[in-house]
Amino acid sequence: MYWYWYVRFSDDLLFYILSIVFLCREYALRKTKDTFRSHAGESNPDTIQKLLQDGEKNLIMLQRQVS
């Protein structure tokens, strides 16, 4: 009897954790695409350099969160 509840709880917990990971990944992709599209017409080299540095910081942060 207890084994059944343990397995069911483990399955539910795993599903919950995987759902959170999926939602975070989807949010990161959506945010990245929106930011890229909003700055697609940028022509100032200094601003482009700053945007690239911000993108690299965000990438490092996402890699740290995923691992």
Protein backbone atom coordinates (compact mmCIF):
# COMPACT_ATOMS: atom_id res chain seq x y z
CA MET A 1 0.00 0.00 0.00
CA TYR A 2 2.70 2.46 0.94
CA TRP A 3 4.71 1.51 -2.11
CA TYR A 4 1.83 2.62 -4.35
CA TRP A 5 1.68 6.07 -2.73
CA TYR A 6 5.43 6.44 -2.87
CA VAL A 7 5.55 5.63 -6.59
CA ARG A 8 2.61 7.90 -7.31
CA PHE A 9 4.17 10.77 -5.36
CA SER A 10 7.50 10.25 -7.14
CA ASP A 11 5.80 10.29 -10.55
CA ASP A 12 3.85 13.45 -9.70
CA LEU A 13 6.95 15.17 -8.36
CA LEU A 14 8.96 14.26 -11.45
CA PHE A 15 6.20 15.56 -13.72
CA TYR A 16 6.06 18.82 -11.72
CA ILE A 17 9.82 19.35 -11.92
CA LEU A 18 9.95 18.60 -15.65
CA SER A 19 7.05 20.99 -16.24
CA ILE A 20 8.91 23.78 -14.46
CA VAL A 21 12.07 23.13 -16.49
CA PHE A 22 10.09 23.14 -19.74
CA LEU A 23 8.29 26.40 -18.84
CA CYS A 24 11.57 28.10 -17.90
CA ARG A 25 13.15 26.99 -21.17
CA GLU A 26 10.17 28.23 -23.19
CA TYR A 27 10.22 31.57 -21.35
CA ALA A 28 13.93 32.01 -22.04
CA LEU A 29 13.47 31.27 -25.74
CA ARG A 30 10.51 33.62 -26.04
CA LYS A 31 12.34 36.42 -24.20
CA THR A 32 15.44 35.99 -26.36
CA LYS A 33 13.47 36.11 -29.61
CA ASP A 34 11.46 39.15 -28.51
CA THR A 35 14.59 41.03 -27.46
CA PHE A 36 16.36 40.16 -30.71
CA ARG A 37 13.40 41.34 -32.79
CA SER A 38 13.05 44.58 -30.85
CA HIS A 39 16.72 45.46 -31.50
CA ALA A 40 17.00 44.07 -35.04
CA GLY A 41 17.28 47.51 -36.65
CA GLU A 42 19.99 48.81 -34.33
CA SER A 43 22.90 50.37 -36.20
CA ASN A 44 24.94 52.10 -33.47
CA PRO A 45 28.09 49.97 -32.89
CA ASP A 46 28.33 50.91 -29.19
CA THR A 47 24.73 49.88 -28.55
CA ILE A 48 25.23 46.64 -30.49
CA GLN A 49 28.31 45.85 -28.38
CA LYS A 50 26.35 46.51 -25.18
CA LEU A 51 23.48 44.30 -26.38
CA LEU A 52 25.93 41.49 -27.19
CA GLN A 53 27.47 41.74 -23.71
CA ASP A 54 24.00 41.64 -22.12
CA GLY A 55 23.15 38.60 -24.23
CA GLU A 56 26.31 36.80 -23.13
CA LYS A 57 25.51 37.55 -19.47
CA ASN A 58 21.99 36.19 -19.93
CA LEU A 59 23.34 33.06 -21.63
CA ILE A 60 25.76 32.41 -18.76
CA MET A 61 22.93 32.89 -16.27
CA LEU A 62 20.67 30.44 -18.16
CA GLN A 63 23.44 27.85 -18.37
CA ARG A 64 23.99 28.17 -14.63
CA GLN A 65 20.26 27.72 -13.92
CA VAL A 66 19.91 24.68 -16.15
CA SER A 67 22.93 22.80 -14.81
